[in-house]
Amino acid sequence: MSPAETTAAPVTTGLSDRSRAIIAGLIKSGRARRVSEGQGHRLVDARGFVTLVKLVPAGGIYRVHRDGNMVLSGPDIVDVAPLQPGFIEAMARLGMPRQSAMEIPSSEPKSALAAICG
């Protein structure tokens, strides 16, 4: 993997803050890397998904929808299944900038503690 694949600026055009945070979390955790456009892929496909190459476990892909409310994983683009909400939330938290980690755009209802704290 070249340094450009892990350090290039994240895709931002047409993506929600939540989807950018999930993508950044998957990359930052070492679970995925971006697919470059030069490999025959568009960064955001016609269905609104960003495709990432899965590194852990090796092989397969992640597909993150542009609104961040759906993340799919599987061995290829045809055979994918949705990931559990808790995993998606963890990746969103990891990918958020430090100063706004408590203000994560979420599809989940706020917990009682989060409602009290802010």
PDB file of N, CA and C in Angstrom:
ATOM      1  N   MET A   1       0.859  -1.174   0.000  1.00  0.00           N
ATOM      2  CA  MET A   1       0.000   0.000   0.000  1.00  0.00           C
ATOM      3  C   MET A   1       0.896   1.225   0.000  1.00  0.00           C
ATOM      4  N   SER A   2       0.646   2.147  -0.902  1.00  0.00           N
ATOM      5  CA  SER A   2       1.460   3.352  -0.977  1.00  0.00           C
ATOM      6  C   SER A   2       1.012   4.355   0.069  1.00  0.00           C
ATOM      7  N   PRO A   3       1.912   5.260   0.495  1.00  0.00           N
ATOM      8  CA  PRO A   3       1.529   6.276   1.475  1.00  0.00           C
ATOM      9  C   PRO A   3       0.379   7.149   0.988  1.00  0.00           C
ATOM     10  N   ALA A   4       0.284   7.366  -0.319  1.00  0.00           N
ATOM     11  CA  ALA A   4      -0.792   8.207  -0.857  1.00  0.00           C
ATOM     12  C   ALA A   4      -2.161   7.603  -0.601  1.00  0.00           C
ATOM     13  N   GLU A   5      -2.244   6.262  -0.553  1.00  0.00           N
ATOM     14  CA  GLU A   5      -3.529   5.610  -0.341  1.00  0.00           C
ATOM     15  C   GLU A   5      -4.049   5.804   1.081  1.00  0.00           C
ATOM     16  N   THR A   6      -3.167   6.001   2.032  1.00  0.00           N
ATOM     17  CA  THR A   6      -3.606   6.166   3.410  1.00  0.00           C
ATOM     18  C   THR A   6      -3.592   7.608   3.878  1.00  0.00           C
ATOM     19  N   THR A   7      -2.854   8.473   3.191  1.00  0.00           N
ATOM     20  CA  THR A   7      -2.748   9.857   3.660  1.00  0.00           C
ATOM     21  C   THR A   7      -3.467  10.853   2.768  1.00  0.00           C
ATOM     22  N   ALA A   8      -3.979  10.416   1.629  1.00  0.00           N
ATOM     23  CA  ALA A   8      -4.687  11.338   0.746  1.00  0.00           C
ATOM     24  C   ALA A   8      -5.906  11.912   1.458  1.00  0.00           C
ATOM     25  N   ALA A   9      -6.278  13.120   1.070  1.00  0.00           N
ATOM     26  CA  ALA A   9      -7.436  13.769   1.685  1.00  0.00           C
ATOM     27  C   ALA A   9      -8.678  12.917   1.480  1.00  0.00           C
ATOM     28  N   PRO A  10      -9.567  12.860   2.490  1.00  0.00           N
ATOM     29  CA  PRO A  10     -10.776  12.052   2.344  1.00  0.00           C
ATOM     30  C   PRO A  10     -11.710  12.615   1.282  1.00  0.00           C
ATOM     31  N   VAL A  11     -12.510  11.725   0.727  1.00  0.00           N
ATOM     32  CA  VAL A  11     -13.524  12.114  -0.245  1.00  0.00           C
ATOM     33  C   VAL A  11     -14.565  12.966   0.474  1.00  0.00           C
ATOM     34  N   THR A  12     -14.915  14.128  -0.055  1.00  0.00           N
ATOM     35  CA  THR A  12     -15.888  14.962   0.632  1.00  0.00           C
ATOM     36  C   THR A  12     -17.070  15.363  -0.241  1.00  0.00           C
ATOM     37  N   THR A  13     -16.924  15.357  -1.550  1.00  0.00           N
ATOM     38  CA  THR A  13     -17.986  15.826  -2.428  1.00  0.00           C
ATOM     39  C   THR A  13     -19.220  14.938  -2.343  1.00  0.00           C
ATOM     40  N   GLY A  14     -20.347  15.533  -1.958  1.00  0.00           N
ATOM     41  CA  GLY A  14     -21.605  14.813  -1.924  1.00  0.00           C
ATOM     42  C   GLY A  14     -21.777  13.861  -0.752  1.00  0.00           C
ATOM     43  N   LEU A  15     -20.844  13.868   0.187  1.00  0.00           N
ATOM     44  CA  LEU A  15     -20.937  12.960   1.328  1.00  0.00           C
ATOM     45  C   LEU A  15     -21.331  13.720   2.582  1.00  0.00           C
ATOM     46  N   SER A  16     -22.125  13.063   3.428  1.00  0.00           N
ATOM     47  CA  SER A  16     -22.511  13.660   4.702  1.00  0.00           C
ATOM     48  C   SER A  16     -21.325  13.616   5.671  1.00  0.00           C
ATOM     49  N   ASP A  17     -21.399  14.417   6.741  1.00  0.00           N
ATOM     50  CA  ASP A  17     -20.364  14.386   7.776  1.00  0.00           C
ATOM     51  C   ASP A  17     -20.266  12.988   8.370  1.00  0.00           C
ATOM     52  N   ARG A  18     -21.410  12.358   8.555  1.00  0.00           N
ATOM     53  CA  ARG A  18     -21.437  11.015   9.134  1.00  0.00           C
ATOM     54  C   ARG A  18     -20.723  10.007   8.236  1.00  0.00           C
ATOM     55  N   SER A  19     -20.989  10.023   6.938  1.00  0.00           N
ATOM     56  CA  SER A  19     -20.338   9.065   6.044  1.00  0.00           C
ATOM     57  C   SER A  19     -18.837   9.324   5.986  1.00  0.00           C
ATOM     58  N   ARG A  20     -18.427  10.594   5.984  1.00  0.00           N
ATOM     59  CA  ARG A  20     -16.991  10.906   6.006  1.00  0.00           C
ATOM     60  C   ARG A  20     -16.341  10.396   7.293  1.00  0.00           C
ATOM     61  N   ALA A  21     -17.063  10.509   8.423  1.00  0.00           N
ATOM     62  CA  ALA A  21     -16.524  10.024   9.699  1.00  0.00           C
ATOM     63  C   ALA A  21     -16.386   8.503   9.691  1.00  0.00           C
ATOM     64  N   ILE A  22     -17.367   7.804   9.138  1.00  0.00           N
ATOM     65  CA  ILE A  22     -17.305   6.336   9.062  1.00  0.00           C
ATOM     66  C   ILE A  22     -16.136   5.905   8.180  1.00  0.00           C
ATOM     67  N   ILE A  23     -15.991   6.536   7.021  1.00  0.00           N
ATOM     68  CA  ILE A  23     -14.889   6.219   6.111  1.00  0.00           C
ATOM     69  C   ILE A  23     -13.553   6.476   6.802  1.00  0.00           C
ATOM     70  N   ALA A  24     -13.423   7.628   7.454  1.00  0.00           N
ATOM     71  CA  ALA A  24     -12.181   7.958   8.160  1.00  0.00           C
ATOM     72  C   ALA A  24     -11.911   6.954   9.279  1.00  0.00           C
ATOM     73  N   GLY A  25     -12.953   6.522   9.999  1.00  0.00           N
ATOM     74  CA  GLY A  25     -12.794   5.547  11.070  1.00  0.00           C
ATOM     75  C   GLY A  25     -12.320   4.198  10.560  1.00  0.00           C
ATOM     76  N   LEU A  26     -12.880   3.743   9.449  1.00  0.00           N
ATOM     77  CA  LEU A  26     -12.458   2.471   8.864  1.00  0.00           C
ATOM     78  C   LEU A  26     -10.999   2.526   8.425  1.00  0.00           C
ATOM     79  N   ILE A  27     -10.593   3.654   7.862  1.00  0.00           N
ATOM     80  CA  ILE A  27      -9.205   3.812   7.409  1.00  0.00           C
ATOM     81  C   ILE A  27      -8.265   3.981   8.602  1.00  0.00           C
ATOM     82  N   LYS A  28      -8.645   4.838   9.546  1.00  0.00           N
ATOM     83  CA  LYS A  28      -7.806   5.103  10.722  1.00  0.00           C
ATOM     84  C   LYS A  28      -7.588   3.838  11.556  1.00  0.00           C
ATOM     85  N   SER A  29      -8.597   2.972  11.632  1.00  0.00           N
ATOM     86  CA  SER A  29      -8.492   1.740  12.417  1.00  0.00           C
ATOM     87  C   SER A  29      -7.663   0.661  11.712  1.00  0.00           C
ATOM     88  N   GLY A  30      -7.322   0.899  10.452  1.00  0.00           N
ATOM     89  CA  GLY A  30      -6.566  -0.095   9.690  1.00  0.00           C
ATOM     90  C   GLY A  30      -7.425  -1.188   9.098  1.00  0.00           C
ATOM     91  N   ARG A  31      -8.756  -1.011   9.147  1.00  0.00           N
ATOM     92  CA  ARG A  31      -9.664  -2.016   8.609  1.00  0.00           C
ATOM     93  C   ARG A  31      -9.860  -1.891   7.101  1.00  0.00           C
ATOM     94  N   ALA A  32      -9.566  -0.702   6.538  1.00  0.00           N
ATOM     95  CA  ALA A  32      -9.842  -0.484   5.118  1.00  0.00           C
ATOM     96  C   ALA A  32      -8.898   0.551   4.527  1.00  0.00           C
ATOM     97  N   ARG A  33      -8.882   0.588   3.204  1.00  0.00           N
ATOM     98  CA  ARG A  33      -8.194   1.651   2.471  1.00  0.00           C
ATOM     99  C   ARG A  33      -9.080   2.054   1.304  1.00  0.00           C
ATOM    100  N   ARG A  34      -8.862   3.260   0.818  1.00  0.00           N
ATOM    101  CA  ARG A  34      -9.648   3.754  -0.308  1.00  0.00           C
ATOM    102  C   ARG A  34      -9.280   3.024  -1.601  1.00  0.00           C
ATOM    103  N   VAL A  35     -10.232   2.963  -2.513  1.00  0.00           N
ATOM    104  CA  VAL A  35     -10.002   2.452  -3.858  1.00  0.00           C
ATOM    105  C   VAL A  35      -9.770   3.676  -4.726  1.00  0.00           C
ATOM    106  N   SER A  36      -8.667   3.696  -5.468  1.00  0.00           N
ATOM    107  CA  SER A  36      -8.397   4.876  -6.290  1.00  0.00           C
ATOM    108  C   SER A  36      -9.235   4.841  -7.559  1.00  0.00           C
ATOM    109  N   GLU A  37      -9.540   6.044  -8.083  1.00  0.00           N
ATOM    110  CA  GLU A  37     -10.341   6.136  -9.307  1.00  0.00           C
ATOM    111  C   GLU A  37      -9.616   5.492 -10.480  1.00  0.00           C
ATOM    112  N   GLY A  38      -8.307   5.482 -10.462  1.00  0.00           N
ATOM    113  CA  GLY A  38      -7.518   4.906 -11.540  1.00  0.00           C
ATOM    114  C   GLY A  38      -7.686   3.405 -11.689  1.00  0.00           C
ATOM    115  N   GLN A  39      -8.265   2.752 -10.693  1.00  0.00           N
ATOM    116  CA  GLN A  39      -8.484   1.310 -10.754  1.00  0.00           C
ATOM    117  C   GLN A  39      -9.842   0.980 -11.380  1.00  0.00           C
ATOM    118  N   GLY A  40     -10.446   1.924 -12.059  1.00  0.00           N
ATOM    119  CA  GLY A  40     -11.711   1.677 -12.733  1.00  0.00           C
ATOM    120  C   GLY A  40     -12.927   1.950 -11.867  1.00  0.00           C
ATOM    121  N   HIS A  41     -12.738   2.555 -10.695  1.00  0.00           N
ATOM    122  CA  HIS A  41     -13.849   2.840  -9.793  1.00  0.00           C
ATOM    123  C   HIS A  41     -14.043   4.344  -9.672  1.00  0.00           C
ATOM    124  N   ARG A  42     -15.296   4.766  -9.580  1.00  0.00           N
ATOM    125  CA  ARG A  42     -15.588   6.153  -9.222  1.00  0.00           C
ATOM    126  C   ARG A  42     -15.633   6.213  -7.710  1.00  0.00           C
ATOM    127  N   LEU A  43     -15.278   7.357  -7.140  1.00  0.00           N
ATOM    128  CA  LEU A  43     -15.249   7.473  -5.687  1.00  0.00           C
ATOM    129  C   LEU A  43     -16.636   7.274  -5.090  1.00  0.00           C
ATOM    130  N   VAL A  44     -17.672   7.854  -5.700  1.00  0.00           N
ATOM    131  CA  VAL A  44     -19.057   7.622  -5.281  1.00  0.00           C
ATOM    132  C   VAL A  44     -19.778   7.068  -6.503  1.00  0.00           C
ATOM    133  N   ASP A  45     -20.338   5.859  -6.368  1.00  0.00           N
ATOM    134  CA  ASP A  45     -20.970   5.239  -7.531  1.00  0.00           C
ATOM    135  C   ASP A  45     -22.388   5.755  -7.758  1.00  0.00           C
ATOM    136  N   ALA A  46     -23.032   5.256  -8.792  1.00  0.00           N
ATOM    137  CA  ALA A  46     -24.360   5.729  -9.183  1.00  0.00           C
ATOM    138  C   ALA A  46     -25.415   5.487  -8.108  1.00  0.00           C
ATOM    139  N   ARG A  47     -25.206   4.523  -7.231  1.00  0.00           N
ATOM    140  CA  ARG A  47     -26.164   4.236  -6.158  1.00  0.00           C
ATOM    141  C   ARG A  47     -25.846   5.009  -4.883  1.00  0.00           C
ATOM    142  N   GLY A  48     -24.790   5.828  -4.916  1.00  0.00           N
ATOM    143  CA  GLY A  48     -24.461   6.663  -3.774  1.00  0.00           C
ATOM    144  C   GLY A  48     -23.547   6.016  -2.748  1.00  0.00           C
ATOM    145  N   PHE A  49     -22.807   4.993  -3.141  1.00  0.00           N
ATOM    146  CA  PHE A  49     -21.903   4.305  -2.225  1.00  0.00           C
ATOM    147  C   PHE A  49     -20.444   4.607  -2.534  1.00  0.00           C
ATOM    148  N   VAL A  50     -19.646   4.688  -1.472  1.00  0.00           N
ATOM    149  CA  VAL A  50     -18.189   4.746  -1.582  1.00  0.00           C
ATOM    150  C   VAL A  50     -17.697   3.343  -1.265  1.00  0.00           C
ATOM    151  N   THR A  51     -16.836   2.795  -2.109  1.00  0.00           N
ATOM    152  CA  THR A  51     -16.298   1.459  -1.893  1.00  0.00           C
ATOM    153  C   THR A  51     -14.893   1.553  -1.324  1.00  0.00           C
ATOM    154  N   LEU A  52     -14.637   0.793  -0.264  1.00  0.00           N
ATOM    155  CA  LEU A  52     -13.322   0.704   0.364  1.00  0.00           C
ATOM    156  C   LEU A  52     -12.858  -0.742   0.301  1.00  0.00           C
ATOM    157  N   VAL A  53     -11.545  -0.940   0.186  1.00  0.00           N
ATOM    158  CA  VAL A  53     -10.975  -2.286   0.208  1.00  0.00           C
ATOM    159  C   VAL A  53     -10.817  -2.708   1.660  1.00  0.00           C
ATOM    160  N   LYS A  54     -11.325  -3.878   1.983  1.00  0.00           N
ATOM    161  CA  LYS A  54     -11.269  -4.416   3.340  1.00  0.00           C
ATOM    162  C   LYS A  54      -9.882  -5.005   3.606  1.00  0.00           C
ATOM    163  N   LEU A  55      -9.242  -4.570   4.696  1.00  0.00           N
ATOM    164  CA  LEU A  55      -7.921  -5.073   5.049  1.00  0.00           C
ATOM    165  C   LEU A  55      -7.962  -6.084   6.193  1.00  0.00           C
ATOM    166  N   VAL A  56      -8.929  -5.967   7.097  1.00  0.00           N
ATOM    167  CA  VAL A  56      -9.041  -6.855   8.262  1.00  0.00           C
ATOM    168  C   VAL A  56     -10.467  -7.377   8.344  1.00  0.00           C
ATOM    169  N   PRO A  57     -10.747  -8.637   8.184  1.00  0.00           N
ATOM    170  CA  PRO A  57      -9.839  -9.628   7.633  1.00  0.00           C
ATOM    171  C   PRO A  57      -9.558  -9.311   6.169  1.00  0.00           C
ATOM    172  N   ALA A  58      -8.421  -9.785   5.681  1.00  0.00           N
ATOM    173  CA  ALA A  58      -7.982  -9.441   4.323  1.00  0.00           C
ATOM    174  C   ALA A  58      -8.984  -9.908   3.275  1.00  0.00           C
ATOM    175  N   GLY A  59      -9.206  -9.067   2.304  1.00  0.00           N
ATOM    176  CA  GLY A  59     -10.095  -9.397   1.203  1.00  0.00           C
ATOM    177  C   GLY A  59     -11.504  -8.882   1.424  1.00  0.00           C
ATOM    178  N   GLY A  60     -12.174  -8.568   0.345  1.00  0.00           N
ATOM    179  CA  GLY A  60     -13.542  -8.067   0.428  1.00  0.00           C
ATOM    180  C   GLY A  60     -13.591  -6.556   0.374  1.00  0.00           C
ATOM    181  N   ILE A  61     -14.785  -6.046   0.618  1.00  0.00           N
ATOM    182  CA  ILE A  61     -15.020  -4.603   0.504  1.00  0.00           C
ATOM    183  C   ILE A  61     -15.953  -4.111   1.607  1.00  0.00           C
ATOM    184  N   TYR A  62     -15.896  -2.818   1.837  1.00  0.00           N
ATOM    185  CA  TYR A  62     -16.909  -2.087   2.596  1.00  0.00           C
ATOM    186  C   TYR A  62     -17.572  -1.148   1.604  1.00  0.00           C
ATOM    187  N   ARG A  63     -18.889  -0.947   1.751  1.00  0.00           N
ATOM    188  CA  ARG A  63     -19.618   0.029   0.934  1.00  0.00           C
ATOM    189  C   ARG A  63     -20.346   0.956   1.893  1.00  0.00           C
ATOM    190  N   VAL A  64     -19.972   2.223   1.884  1.00  0.00           N
ATOM    191  CA  VAL A  64     -20.541   3.222   2.792  1.00  0.00           C
ATOM    192  C   VAL A  64     -21.439   4.140   1.968  1.00  0.00           C
ATOM    193  N   HIS A  65     -22.726   4.231   2.344  1.00  0.00           N
ATOM    194  CA  HIS A  65     -23.641   5.107   1.609  1.00  0.00           C
ATOM    195  C   HIS A  65     -23.325   6.563   1.900  1.00  0.00           C
ATOM    196  N   ARG A  66     -23.553   7.420   0.923  1.00  0.00           N
ATOM    197  CA  ARG A  66     -23.204   8.839   1.049  1.00  0.00           C
ATOM    198  C   ARG A  66     -23.867   9.538   2.232  1.00  0.00           C
ATOM    199  N   ASP A  67     -25.021   9.031   2.713  1.00  0.00           N
ATOM    200  CA  ASP A  67     -25.658   9.671   3.868  1.00  0.00           C
ATOM    201  C   ASP A  67     -25.184   9.077   5.198  1.00  0.00           C
ATOM    202  N   GLY A  68     -24.394   7.986   5.139  1.00  0.00           N
ATOM    203  CA  GLY A  68     -23.841   7.381   6.344  1.00  0.00           C
ATOM    204  C   GLY A  68     -24.796   6.501   7.119  1.00  0.00           C
ATOM    205  N   ASN A  69     -25.990   6.280   6.610  1.00  0.00           N
ATOM    206  CA  ASN A  69     -26.969   5.463   7.330  1.00  0.00           C
ATOM    207  C   ASN A  69     -26.937   3.995   6.935  1.00  0.00           C
ATOM    208  N   MET A  70     -26.065   3.622   5.995  1.00  0.00           N
ATOM    209  CA  MET A  70     -25.951   2.228   5.600  1.00  0.00           C
ATOM    210  C   MET A  70     -24.489   1.916   5.294  1.00  0.00           C
ATOM    211  N   VAL A  71     -23.984   0.851   5.895  1.00  0.00           N
ATOM    212  CA  VAL A  71     -22.643   0.361   5.603  1.00  0.00           C
ATOM    213  C   VAL A  71     -22.770  -1.137   5.345  1.00  0.00           C
ATOM    214  N   LEU A  72     -22.276  -1.551   4.195  1.00  0.00           N
ATOM    215  CA  LEU A  72     -22.347  -2.949   3.785  1.00  0.00           C
ATOM    216  C   LEU A  72     -20.943  -3.531   3.749  1.00  0.00           C
ATOM    217  N   SER A  73     -20.840  -4.841   3.915  1.00  0.00           N
ATOM    218  CA  SER A  73     -19.551  -5.507   3.856  1.00  0.00           C
ATOM    219  C   SER A  73     -19.736  -6.877   3.231  1.00  0.00           C
ATOM    220  N   GLY A  74     -18.732  -7.310   2.472  1.00  0.00           N
ATOM    221  CA  GLY A  74     -18.798  -8.631   1.869  1.00  0.00           C
ATOM    222  C   GLY A  74     -17.593  -8.902   1.008  1.00  0.00           C
ATOM    223  N   PRO A  75     -17.582 -10.087   0.396  1.00  0.00           N
ATOM    224  CA  PRO A  75     -16.437 -10.472  -0.422  1.00  0.00           C
ATOM    225  C   PRO A  75     -16.359  -9.727  -1.753  1.00  0.00           C
ATOM    226  N   ASP A  76     -17.488  -9.239  -2.252  1.00  0.00           N
ATOM    227  CA  ASP A  76     -17.504  -8.500  -3.519  1.00  0.00           C
ATOM    228  C   ASP A  76     -18.728  -7.588  -3.551  1.00  0.00           C
ATOM    229  N   ILE A  77     -18.886  -6.858  -4.628  1.00  0.00           N
ATOM    230  CA  ILE A  77     -19.943  -5.842  -4.737  1.00  0.00           C
ATOM    231  C   ILE A  77     -21.346  -6.451  -4.768  1.00  0.00           C
ATOM    232  N   VAL A  78     -21.462  -7.717  -5.145  1.00  0.00           N
ATOM    233  CA  VAL A  78     -22.764  -8.379  -5.253  1.00  0.00           C
ATOM    234  C   VAL A  78     -23.191  -9.020  -3.932  1.00  0.00           C
ATOM    235  N   ASP A  79     -22.254  -9.630  -3.240  1.00  0.00           N
ATOM    236  CA  ASP A  79     -22.553 -10.408  -2.034  1.00  0.00           C
ATOM    237  C   ASP A  79     -22.185  -9.606  -0.781  1.00  0.00           C
ATOM    238  N   VAL A  80     -22.997  -8.602  -0.459  1.00  0.00           N
ATOM    239  CA  VAL A  80     -22.741  -7.757   0.705  1.00  0.00           C
ATOM    240  C   VAL A  80     -23.921  -7.816   1.676  1.00  0.00           C
ATOM    241  N   ALA A  81     -23.630  -7.546   2.938  1.00  0.00           N
ATOM    242  CA  ALA A  81     -24.665  -7.535   3.974  1.00  0.00           C
ATOM    243  C   ALA A  81     -24.442  -6.317   4.861  1.00  0.00           C
ATOM    244  N   PRO A  82     -25.511  -5.802   5.474  1.00  0.00           N
ATOM    245  CA  PRO A  82     -25.356  -4.634   6.345  1.00  0.00           C
ATOM    246  C   PRO A  82     -24.574  -4.980   7.610  1.00  0.00           C
ATOM    247  N   LEU A  83     -23.788  -4.010   8.073  1.00  0.00           N
ATOM    248  CA  LEU A  83     -23.042  -4.164   9.321  1.00  0.00           C
ATOM    249  C   LEU A  83     -23.916  -3.764  10.497  1.00  0.00           C
ATOM    250  N   GLN A  84     -23.552  -4.229  11.689  1.00  0.00           N
ATOM    251  CA  GLN A  84     -24.311  -3.925  12.890  1.00  0.00           C
ATOM    252  C   GLN A  84     -24.178  -2.442  13.247  1.00  0.00           C
ATOM    253  N   PRO A  85     -25.269  -1.831  13.730  1.00  0.00           N
ATOM    254  CA  PRO A  85     -25.249  -0.404  14.074  1.00  0.00           C
ATOM    255  C   PRO A  85     -24.155  -0.025  15.076  1.00  0.00           C
ATOM    256  N   GLY A  86     -23.868  -0.879  16.045  1.00  0.00           N
ATOM    257  CA  GLY A  86     -22.840  -0.568  17.040  1.00  0.00           C
ATOM    258  C   GLY A  86     -21.464  -0.417  16.417  1.00  0.00           C
ATOM    259  N   PHE A  87     -21.136  -1.275  15.454  1.00  0.00           N
ATOM    260  CA  PHE A  87     -19.853  -1.186  14.751  1.00  0.00           C
ATOM    261  C   PHE A  87     -19.787   0.105  13.937  1.00  0.00           C
ATOM    262  N   ILE A  88     -20.881   0.430  13.255  1.00  0.00           N
ATOM    263  CA  ILE A  88     -20.926   1.649  12.442  1.00  0.00           C
ATOM    264  C   ILE A  88     -20.737   2.873  13.326  1.00  0.00           C
ATOM    265  N   GLU A  89     -21.409   2.900  14.485  1.00  0.00           N
ATOM    266  CA  GLU A  89     -21.275   4.027  15.415  1.00  0.00           C
ATOM    267  C   GLU A  89     -19.841   4.156  15.920  1.00  0.00           C
ATOM    268  N   ALA A  90     -19.198   3.006  16.219  1.00  0.00           N
ATOM    269  CA  ALA A  90     -17.815   3.031  16.694  1.00  0.00           C
ATOM    270  C   ALA A  90     -16.887   3.606  15.627  1.00  0.00           C
ATOM    271  N   MET A  91     -17.088   3.235  14.373  1.00  0.00           N
ATOM    272  CA  MET A  91     -16.252   3.764  13.290  1.00  0.00           C
ATOM    273  C   MET A  91     -16.510   5.263  13.100  1.00  0.00           C
ATOM    274  N   ALA A  92     -17.772   5.697  13.248  1.00  0.00           N
ATOM    275  CA  ALA A  92     -18.092   7.125  13.131  1.00  0.00           C
ATOM    276  C   ALA A  92     -17.397   7.923  14.234  1.00  0.00           C
ATOM    277  N   ARG A  93     -17.416   7.391  15.460  1.00  0.00           N
ATOM    278  CA  ARG A  93     -16.746   8.072  16.578  1.00  0.00           C
ATOM    279  C   ARG A  93     -15.247   8.168  16.341  1.00  0.00           C
ATOM    280  N   LEU A  94     -14.653   7.080  15.890  1.00  0.00           N
ATOM    281  CA  LEU A  94     -13.213   7.058  15.643  1.00  0.00           C
ATOM    282  C   LEU A  94     -12.822   8.043  14.544  1.00  0.00           C
ATOM    283  N   GLY A  95     -13.680   8.199  13.563  1.00  0.00           N
ATOM    284  CA  GLY A  95     -13.368   9.069  12.429  1.00  0.00           C
ATOM    285  C   GLY A  95     -13.688  10.535  12.627  1.00  0.00           C
ATOM    286  N   MET A  96     -14.392  10.879  13.699  1.00  0.00           N
ATOM    287  CA  MET A  96     -14.741  12.278  13.959  1.00  0.00           C
ATOM    288  C   MET A  96     -13.525  13.049  14.448  1.00  0.00           C
ATOM    289  N   PRO A  97     -13.435  14.335  14.096  1.00  0.00           N
ATOM    290  CA  PRO A  97     -12.366  15.171  14.651  1.00  0.00           C
ATOM    291  C   PRO A  97     -12.477  15.190  16.172  1.00  0.00           C
ATOM    292  N   ARG A  98     -11.352  15.254  16.858  1.00  0.00           N
ATOM    293  CA  ARG A  98     -11.306  15.199  18.323  1.00  0.00           C
ATOM    294  C   ARG A  98     -12.250  16.176  19.006  1.00  0.00           C
ATOM    295  N   GLN A  99     -12.274  17.422  18.592  1.00  0.00           N
ATOM    296  CA  GLN A  99     -13.046  18.438  19.300  1.00  0.00           C
ATOM    297  C   GLN A  99     -14.548  18.237  19.200  1.00  0.00           C
ATOM    298  N   SER A 100     -15.023  17.432  18.251  1.00  0.00           N
ATOM    299  CA  SER A 100     -16.468  17.263  18.115  1.00  0.00           C
ATOM    300  C   SER A 100     -16.900  15.816  18.321  1.00  0.00           C
ATOM    301  N   ALA A 101     -16.112  15.028  19.021  1.00  0.00           N
ATOM    302  CA  ALA A 101     -16.434  13.608  19.194  1.00  0.00           C
ATOM    303  C   ALA A 101     -17.753  13.391  19.922  1.00  0.00           C
ATOM    304  N   MET A 102     -18.187  14.334  20.758  1.00  0.00           N
ATOM    305  CA  MET A 102     -19.459  14.186  21.463  1.00  0.00           C
ATOM    306  C   MET A 102     -20.658  14.556  20.580  1.00  0.00           C
ATOM    307  N   GLU A 103     -20.402  15.193  19.449  1.00  0.00           N
ATOM    308  CA  GLU A 103     -21.482  15.630  18.566  1.00  0.00           C
ATOM    309  C   GLU A 103     -21.516  14.787  17.305  1.00  0.00           C
ATOM    310  N   ILE A 104     -21.578  13.486  17.467  1.00  0.00           N
ATOM    311  CA  ILE A 104     -21.544  12.565  16.339  1.00  0.00           C
ATOM    312  C   ILE A 104     -22.908  12.526  15.664  1.00  0.00           C
ATOM    313  N   PRO A 105     -22.958  12.817  14.347  1.00  0.00           N
ATOM    314  CA  PRO A 105     -24.231  12.662  13.658  1.00  0.00           C
ATOM    315  C   PRO A 105     -24.599  11.184  13.672  1.00  0.00           C
ATOM    316  N   SER A 106     -25.736  10.870  14.234  1.00  0.00           N
ATOM    317  CA  SER A 106     -26.078   9.472  14.442  1.00  0.00           C
ATOM    318  C   SER A 106     -27.479   9.153  13.947  1.00  0.00           C
ATOM    319  N   SER A 107     -27.650   7.909  13.540  1.00  0.00           N
ATOM    320  CA  SER A 107     -28.987   7.440  13.186  1.00  0.00           C
ATOM    321  C   SER A 107     -29.632   6.785  14.410  1.00  0.00           C
ATOM    322  N   GLU A 108     -28.856   6.618  15.475  1.00  0.00           N
ATOM    323  CA  GLU A 108     -29.338   5.996  16.703  1.00  0.00           C
ATOM    324  C   GLU A 108     -29.904   7.068  17.636  1.00  0.00           C
ATOM    325  N   PRO A 109     -30.953   6.745  18.418  1.00  0.00           N
ATOM    326  CA  PRO A 109     -31.446   7.706  19.401  1.00  0.00           C
ATOM    327  C   PRO A 109     -30.382   7.940  20.462  1.00  0.00           C
ATOM    328  N   LYS A 110     -30.345   9.149  21.018  1.00  0.00           N
ATOM    329  CA  LYS A 110     -29.373   9.457  22.057  1.00  0.00           C
ATOM    330  C   LYS A 110     -29.633   8.616  23.291  1.00  0.00           C
ATOM    331  N   SER A 111     -28.554   8.193  23.921  1.00  0.00           N
ATOM    332  CA  SER A 111     -28.698   7.457  25.184  1.00  0.00           C
ATOM    333  C   SER A 111     -29.107   8.439  26.274  1.00  0.00           C
ATOM    334  N   ALA A 112     -29.554   7.919  27.402  1.00  0.00           N
ATOM    335  CA  ALA A 112     -29.960   8.765  28.517  1.00  0.00           C
ATOM    336  C   ALA A 112     -28.793   9.627  28.973  1.00  0.00           C
ATOM    337  N   LEU A 113     -27.569   9.040  29.036  1.00  0.00           N
ATOM    338  CA  LEU A 113     -26.398   9.800  29.466  1.00  0.00           C
ATOM    339  C   LEU A 113     -26.070  10.907  28.475  1.00  0.00           C
ATOM    340  N   ALA A 114     -26.129  10.599  27.175  1.00  0.00           N
ATOM    341  CA  ALA A 114     -25.838  11.611  26.157  1.00  0.00           C
ATOM    342  C   ALA A 114     -26.885  12.729  26.209  1.00  0.00           C
ATOM    343  N   ALA A 115     -28.133  12.387  26.494  1.00  0.00           N
ATOM    344  CA  ALA A 115     -29.185  13.406  26.580  1.00  0.00           C
ATOM    345  C   ALA A 115     -28.939  14.346  27.753  1.00  0.00           C
ATOM    346  N   ILE A 116     -28.432  13.797  28.849  1.00  0.00           N
ATOM    347  CA  ILE A 116     -28.152  14.612  30.037  1.00  0.00           C
ATOM    348  C   ILE A 116     -26.911  15.463  29.820  1.00  0.00           C
ATOM    349  N   CYS A 117     -25.883  14.864  29.224  1.00  0.00           N
ATOM    350  CA  CYS A 117     -24.589  15.547  29.066  1.00  0.00           C
ATOM    351  C   CYS A 117     -24.547  16.502  27.895  1.00  0.00           C
ATOM    352  N   GLY A 118     -25.435  16.360  26.992  1.00  0.00           N
ATOM    353  CA  GLY A 118     -25.296  17.319  25.948  1.00  0.00           C
ATOM    354  C   GLY A 118     -25.880  17.052  24.663  1.00  0.00           C
TER     355      GLY A 118
END
